[in-house]
């Protein structure tokens, strides 16, 4: 009997507390400082949309939808430029991170996800680098195997040599010829012995 009485008192106390919390919550929702401005704008827009059927029809129009997206993007950009809004957003992010860190299950899930993403990106990077290396080697082999490319490369080298010789002065040209003769004589001498 006594237990039932305490249970009833507890349940009545709980009900009173719930009613009080609900009342406080309702009061808080009417005070703008307790609500996020984005949420207020969103709820007001939704309420007016429900009331206005023409707005609903316009919402279905894709051009209007695109314009609204553009407006929302611009609003978001302006909010991001506002230091107070950015500070509030940073605080919310920090609170969310803190909540995740303090929850062991969420923390381990996040760590697992981050590790797998890092592993995947490392693996993808290695695969991509290997593919690029292989493609470069294949191109080089194909390029060198083509007789026309070899001929072109040889002609380009000859042209570079001729251009370099043309840039030399008369004295330098004479020295170059002397060196060439000396190389030829040494080559003959070496092969002759």
C-alpha atoms as a PDB file:
ATOM      1  CA  UNK A   1       0.000   0.000   0.000  1.00  0.00           C
ATOM      2  CA  UNK A   2       2.737   2.333   0.996  1.00  0.00           C
ATOM      3  CA  UNK A   3       4.690   1.431  -2.145  1.00  0.00           C
ATOM      4  CA  UNK A   4       1.695   2.253  -4.368  1.00  0.00           C
ATOM      5  CA  UNK A   5       1.320   5.625  -2.690  1.00  0.00           C
ATOM      6  CA  UNK A   6       4.979   6.500  -3.307  1.00  0.00           C
ATOM      7  CA  UNK A   7       4.677   5.267  -6.929  1.00  0.00           C
ATOM      8  CA  UNK A   8       1.618   7.467  -7.444  1.00  0.00           C
ATOM      9  CA  UNK A   9       3.418  10.408  -5.875  1.00  0.00           C
ATOM     10  CA  UNK A  10       6.448   9.741  -8.113  1.00  0.00           C
ATOM     11  CA  UNK A  11       4.314   9.479 -11.243  1.00  0.00           C
ATOM     12  CA  UNK A  12       2.418  12.652 -10.316  1.00  0.00           C
ATOM     13  CA  UNK A  13       5.708  14.392  -9.642  1.00  0.00           C
ATOM     14  CA  UNK A  14       6.965  13.204 -13.042  1.00  0.00           C
ATOM     15  CA  UNK A  15       3.789  14.453 -14.737  1.00  0.00           C
ATOM     16  CA  UNK A  16       4.125  17.839 -13.076  1.00  0.00           C
ATOM     17  CA  UNK A  17       7.760  18.003 -14.156  1.00  0.00           C
ATOM     18  CA  UNK A  18       6.818  17.084 -17.732  1.00  0.00           C
ATOM     19  CA  UNK A  19       4.097  19.741 -17.818  1.00  0.00           C
ATOM     20  CA  UNK A  20       6.527  22.301 -16.462  1.00  0.00           C
ATOM     21  CA  UNK A  21       9.210  21.270 -18.998  1.00  0.00           C
ATOM     22  CA  UNK A  22       6.682  21.439 -21.816  1.00  0.00           C
ATOM     23  CA  UNK A  23       5.587  24.905 -20.713  1.00  0.00           C
ATOM     24  CA  UNK A  24       9.207  26.072 -20.464  1.00  0.00           C
ATOM     25  CA  UNK A  25       9.910  24.591 -23.872  1.00  0.00           C
ATOM     26  CA  UNK A  26       6.892  26.368 -25.382  1.00  0.00           C
ATOM     27  CA  UNK A  27       8.018  29.662 -23.843  1.00  0.00           C
ATOM     28  CA  UNK A  28      11.569  29.121 -25.097  1.00  0.00           C
ATOM     29  CA  UNK A  29      10.349  28.469 -28.618  1.00  0.00           C
ATOM     30  CA  UNK A  30       8.656  31.861 -28.683  1.00  0.00           C
ATOM     31  CA  UNK A  31      11.886  33.655 -27.672  1.00  0.00           C
ATOM     32  CA  UNK A  32      14.025  34.162 -30.809  1.00  0.00           C
ATOM     33  CA  UNK A  33      17.398  33.906 -28.985  1.00  0.00           C
ATOM     34  CA  UNK A  34      16.666  30.275 -28.177  1.00  0.00           C
ATOM     35  CA  UNK A  35      15.970  29.326 -31.789  1.00  0.00           C
ATOM     36  CA  UNK A  36      18.344  29.240 -34.709  1.00  0.00           C
ATOM     37  CA  UNK A  37      17.531  31.929 -37.273  1.00  0.00           C
ATOM     38  CA  UNK A  38      17.763  29.406 -40.141  1.00  0.00           C
ATOM     39  CA  UNK A  39      15.232  27.172 -38.456  1.00  0.00           C
ATOM     40  CA  UNK A  40      12.878  30.118 -37.895  1.00  0.00           C
ATOM     41  CA  UNK A  41      13.129  31.168 -41.542  1.00  0.00           C
ATOM     42  CA  UNK A  42      12.609  27.597 -42.687  1.00  0.00           C
ATOM     43  CA  UNK A  43       9.516  27.089 -40.508  1.00  0.00           C
ATOM     44  CA  UNK A  44       8.020  30.432 -41.515  1.00  0.00           C
ATOM     45  CA  UNK A  45       8.592  29.643 -45.191  1.00  0.00           C
ATOM     46  CA  UNK A  46       6.970  26.250 -44.788  1.00  0.00           C
ATOM     47  CA  UNK A  47       3.956  27.734 -43.046  1.00  0.00           C
ATOM     48  CA  UNK A  48       3.430  30.329 -45.773  1.00  0.00           C
ATOM     49  CA  UNK A  49       3.928  27.688 -48.464  1.00  0.00           C
ATOM     50  CA  UNK A  50       1.254  25.497 -46.977  1.00  0.00           C
ATOM     51  CA  UNK A  51      -1.143  28.414 -46.900  1.00  0.00           C
ATOM     52  CA  UNK A  52      -0.402  29.585 -50.406  1.00  0.00           C
ATOM     53  CA  UNK A  53      -1.357  27.037 -53.084  1.00  0.00           C
ATOM     54  CA  UNK A  54       0.092  29.204 -55.845  1.00  0.00           C
ATOM     55  CA  UNK A  55       3.437  29.026 -54.071  1.00  0.00           C
ATOM     56  CA  UNK A  56       3.098  25.234 -54.083  1.00  0.00           C
ATOM     57  CA  UNK A  57       2.517  25.284 -57.835  1.00  0.00           C
ATOM     58  CA  UNK A  58       5.521  27.540 -58.331  1.00  0.00           C
ATOM     59  CA  UNK A  59       7.595  25.187 -56.206  1.00  0.00           C
ATOM     60  CA  UNK A  60       6.946  22.451 -58.738  1.00  0.00           C
ATOM     61  CA  UNK A  61       8.279  24.688 -61.499  1.00  0.00           C
ATOM     62  CA  UNK A  62      11.933  23.735 -62.035  1.00  0.00           C
ATOM     63  CA  UNK A  63      13.055  27.270 -62.899  1.00  0.00           C
ATOM     64  CA  UNK A  64      11.567  28.624 -59.690  1.00  0.00           C
ATOM     65  CA  UNK A  65      13.220  25.771 -57.821  1.00  0.00           C
ATOM     66  CA  UNK A  66      16.589  26.681 -59.377  1.00  0.00           C
ATOM     67  CA  UNK A  67      16.101  30.352 -58.457  1.00  0.00           C
ATOM     68  CA  UNK A  68      15.233  29.416 -54.895  1.00  0.00           C
ATOM     69  CA  UNK A  69      18.327  27.242 -54.656  1.00  0.00           C
ATOM     70  CA  UNK A  70      20.391  30.177 -55.860  1.00  0.00           C
ATOM     71  CA  UNK A  71      18.751  32.449 -53.254  1.00  0.00           C
ATOM     72  CA  UNK A  72      19.394  29.903 -50.513  1.00  0.00           C
ATOM     73  CA  UNK A  73      23.019  29.585 -51.590  1.00  0.00           C
ATOM     74  CA  UNK A  74      23.422  33.353 -51.483  1.00  0.00           C
ATOM     75  CA  UNK A  75      21.781  33.509 -48.034  1.00  0.00           C
ATOM     76  CA  UNK A  76      24.114  30.772 -46.836  1.00  0.00           C
ATOM     77  CA  UNK A  77      27.124  32.657 -48.247  1.00  0.00           C
ATOM     78  CA  UNK A  78      26.028  35.845 -46.462  1.00  0.00           C
ATOM     79  CA  UNK A  79      25.532  33.955 -43.205  1.00  0.00           C
ATOM     80  CA  UNK A  80      29.039  32.499 -43.565  1.00  0.00           C
ATOM     81  CA  UNK A  81      30.432  36.033 -43.995  1.00  0.00           C
ATOM     82  CA  UNK A  82      28.754  37.127 -40.760  1.00  0.00           C
ATOM     83  CA  UNK A  83      31.271  36.492 -37.923  1.00  0.00           C
ATOM     84  CA  UNK A  84      28.542  35.839 -35.331  1.00  0.00           C
ATOM     85  CA  UNK A  85      26.872  33.216 -37.530  1.00  0.00           C
ATOM     86  CA  UNK A  86      30.214  31.567 -38.261  1.00  0.00           C
ATOM     87  CA  UNK A  87      31.045  31.550 -34.554  1.00  0.00           C
ATOM     88  CA  UNK A  88      27.693  29.934 -33.767  1.00  0.00           C
ATOM     89  CA  UNK A  89      28.285  27.336 -36.487  1.00  0.00           C
ATOM     90  CA  UNK A  90      31.784  26.594 -35.160  1.00  0.00           C
ATOM     91  CA  UNK A  91      30.398  26.166 -31.648  1.00  0.00           C
ATOM     92  CA  UNK A  92      27.727  23.776 -32.923  1.00  0.00           C
ATOM     93  CA  UNK A  93      30.376  21.757 -34.793  1.00  0.00           C
ATOM     94  CA  UNK A  94      32.578  21.687 -31.705  1.00  0.00           C
ATOM     95  CA  UNK A  95      29.657  20.511 -29.566  1.00  0.00           C
ATOM     96  CA  UNK A  96      28.863  17.777 -32.085  1.00  0.00           C
ATOM     97  CA  UNK A  97      32.498  16.645 -32.133  1.00  0.00           C
ATOM     98  CA  UNK A  98      32.602  16.699 -28.332  1.00  0.00           C
ATOM     99  CA  UNK A  99      29.431  14.601 -28.192  1.00  0.00           C
ATOM    100  CA  UNK A 100      30.916  12.122 -30.664  1.00  0.00           C
ATOM    101  CA  UNK A 101      34.163  11.893 -28.703  1.00  0.00           C
ATOM    102  CA  UNK A 102      32.362  11.309 -25.420  1.00  0.00           C
ATOM    103  CA  UNK A 103      30.235   8.529 -26.941  1.00  0.00           C
ATOM    104  CA  UNK A 104      32.501   5.453 -27.234  1.00  0.00           C
ATOM    105  CA  UNK A 105      30.373   3.732 -29.892  1.00  0.00           C
ATOM    106  CA  UNK A 106      30.180   6.792 -32.145  1.00  0.00           C
ATOM    107  CA  UNK A 107      33.895   7.459 -31.615  1.00  0.00           C
ATOM    108  CA  UNK A 108      34.923   3.926 -32.616  1.00  0.00           C
ATOM    109  CA  UNK A 109      32.634   4.052 -35.671  1.00  0.00           C
ATOM    110  CA  UNK A 110      34.140   7.376 -36.735  1.00  0.00           C
ATOM    111  CA  UNK A 111      37.689   6.078 -36.233  1.00  0.00           C
ATOM    112  CA  UNK A 112      36.911   2.936 -38.236  1.00  0.00           C
ATOM    113  CA  UNK A 113      35.411   5.009 -41.025  1.00  0.00           C
ATOM    114  CA  UNK A 114      38.349   7.454 -41.095  1.00  0.00           C
ATOM    115  CA  UNK A 115      40.888   4.612 -41.101  1.00  0.00           C
ATOM    116  CA  UNK A 116      39.146   2.771 -43.914  1.00  0.00           C
ATOM    117  CA  UNK A 117      38.860   5.994 -45.940  1.00  0.00           C
ATOM    118  CA  UNK A 118      42.562   6.762 -45.438  1.00  0.00           C
ATOM    119  CA  UNK A 119      43.496   3.189 -46.347  1.00  0.00           C
ATOM    120  CA  UNK A 120      41.296   3.361 -49.431  1.00  0.00           C
ATOM    121  CA  UNK A 121      42.740   6.676 -50.561  1.00  0.00           C
ATOM    122  CA  UNK A 122      46.328   5.434 -50.035  1.00  0.00           C
ATOM    123  CA  UNK A 123      45.532   2.320 -52.020  1.00  0.00           C
ATOM    124  CA  UNK A 124      43.834   4.336 -54.764  1.00  0.00           C
ATOM    125  CA  UNK A 125      46.813   6.698 -54.939  1.00  0.00           C
ATOM    126  CA  UNK A 126      49.252   3.767 -55.271  1.00  0.00           C
ATOM    127  CA  UNK A 127      47.119   2.183 -57.993  1.00  0.00           C
ATOM    128  CA  UNK A 128      46.831   5.496 -59.852  1.00  0.00           C
ATOM    129  CA  UNK A 129      50.598   6.138 -59.643  1.00  0.00           C
ATOM    130  CA  UNK A 130      51.302   2.619 -60.915  1.00  0.00           C
ATOM    131  CA  UNK A 131      48.858   3.097 -63.805  1.00  0.00           C
ATOM    132  CA  UNK A 132      50.461   6.428 -64.746  1.00  0.00           C
ATOM    133  CA  UNK A 133      53.950   4.895 -64.597  1.00  0.00           C
ATOM    134  CA  UNK A 134      52.843   1.957 -66.747  1.00  0.00           C
ATOM    135  CA  UNK A 135      51.179   4.254 -69.296  1.00  0.00           C
ATOM    136  CA  UNK A 136      54.314   6.419 -69.509  1.00  0.00           C
ATOM    137  CA  UNK A 137      56.518   3.352 -70.039  1.00  0.00           C
ATOM    138  CA  UNK A 138      54.166   1.998 -72.712  1.00  0.00           C
ATOM    139  CA  UNK A 139      54.120   5.338 -74.514  1.00  0.00           C
ATOM    140  CA  UNK A 140      57.892   5.615 -74.391  1.00  0.00           C
ATOM    141  CA  UNK A 141      58.351   2.061 -75.699  1.00  0.00           C
ATOM    142  CA  UNK A 142      55.810   2.628 -78.468  1.00  0.00           C
ATOM    143  CA  UNK A 143      57.443   5.949 -79.336  1.00  0.00           C
ATOM    144  CA  UNK A 144      60.945   4.457 -79.511  1.00  0.00           C
ATOM    145  CA  UNK A 145      59.796   1.399 -81.468  1.00  0.00           C
ATOM    146  CA  UNK A 146      58.345   3.552 -84.241  1.00  0.00           C
ATOM    147  CA  UNK A 147      61.069   4.021 -86.933  1.00  0.00           C
ATOM    148  CA  UNK A 148      59.617   7.361 -88.016  1.00  0.00           C
ATOM    149  CA  UNK A 149      59.960   8.722 -84.473  1.00  0.00           C
ATOM    150  CA  UNK A 150      63.555   7.488 -84.278  1.00  0.00           C
ATOM    151  CA  UNK A 151      64.326   9.172 -87.603  1.00  0.00           C
ATOM    152  CA  UNK A 152      62.659  12.405 -86.432  1.00  0.00           C
ATOM    153  CA  UNK A 153      64.634  12.348 -83.177  1.00  0.00           C
ATOM    154  CA  UNK A 154      67.872  11.811 -85.090  1.00  0.00           C
ATOM    155  CA  UNK A 155      67.079  14.678 -87.459  1.00  0.00           C
ATOM    156  CA  UNK A 156      66.235  16.964 -84.548  1.00  0.00           C
ATOM    157  CA  UNK A 157      69.548  16.121 -82.875  1.00  0.00           C
ATOM    158  CA  UNK A 158      71.420  16.798 -86.138  1.00  0.00           C
ATOM    159  CA  UNK A 159      69.623  20.122 -86.487  1.00  0.00           C
ATOM    160  CA  UNK A 160      70.545  21.055 -82.909  1.00  0.00           C
ATOM    161  CA  UNK A 161      74.188  20.190 -83.615  1.00  0.00           C
ATOM    162  CA  UNK A 162      74.177  22.286 -86.812  1.00  0.00           C
ATOM    163  CA  UNK A 163      72.548  25.202 -84.996  1.00  0.00           C
ATOM    164  CA  UNK A 164      75.155  24.983 -82.250  1.00  0.00           C
ATOM    165  CA  UNK A 165      77.977  24.962 -84.826  1.00  0.00           C
ATOM    166  CA  UNK A 166      76.450  27.939 -86.655  1.00  0.00           C
ATOM    167  CA  UNK A 167      76.420  29.891 -83.405  1.00  0.00           C
ATOM    168  CA  UNK A 168      80.171  29.376 -82.929  1.00  0.00           C
ATOM    169  CA  UNK A 169      82.664  32.044 -83.999  1.00  0.00           C
ATOM    170  CA  UNK A 170      85.434  31.312 -86.558  1.00  0.00           C
ATOM    171  CA  UNK A 171      88.022  30.607 -83.841  1.00  0.00           C
ATOM    172  CA  UNK A 172      85.661  28.302 -81.962  1.00  0.00           C
ATOM    173  CA  UNK A 173      84.828  26.518 -85.229  1.00  0.00           C
ATOM    174  CA  UNK A 174      88.534  25.944 -85.896  1.00  0.00           C
ATOM    175  CA  UNK A 175      88.978  24.547 -82.364  1.00  0.00           C
ATOM    176  CA  UNK A 176      85.944  22.287 -82.871  1.00  0.00           C
ATOM    177  CA  UNK A 177      87.402  20.950 -86.171  1.00  0.00           C
ATOM    178  CA  UNK A 178      90.770  20.353 -84.521  1.00  0.00           C
ATOM    179  CA  UNK A 179      89.097  18.425 -81.695  1.00  0.00           C
ATOM    180  CA  UNK A 180      87.159  16.378 -84.238  1.00  0.00           C
ATOM    181  CA  UNK A 181      90.369  15.522 -86.146  1.00  0.00           C
ATOM    182  CA  UNK A 182      92.104  14.622 -82.907  1.00  0.00           C
ATOM    183  CA  UNK A 183      89.200  12.308 -81.931  1.00  0.00           C
ATOM    184  CA  UNK A 184      89.296  10.632 -85.332  1.00  0.00           C
ATOM    185  CA  UNK A 185      93.093  10.110 -85.136  1.00  0.00           C
ATOM    186  CA  UNK A 186      92.813   8.707 -81.630  1.00  0.00           C
ATOM    187  CA  UNK A 187      90.027   6.403 -82.775  1.00  0.00           C
ATOM    188  CA  UNK A 188      92.116   5.159 -85.685  1.00  0.00           C
ATOM    189  CA  UNK A 189      95.156   4.831 -83.461  1.00  0.00           C
ATOM    190  CA  UNK A 190      93.198   2.861 -80.831  1.00  0.00           C
ATOM    191  CA  UNK A 191      91.629   0.537 -83.402  1.00  0.00           C
ATOM    192  CA  UNK A 192      94.950   0.167 -85.270  1.00  0.00           C
ATOM    193  CA  UNK A 193      96.852  -1.306 -82.313  1.00  0.00           C
END
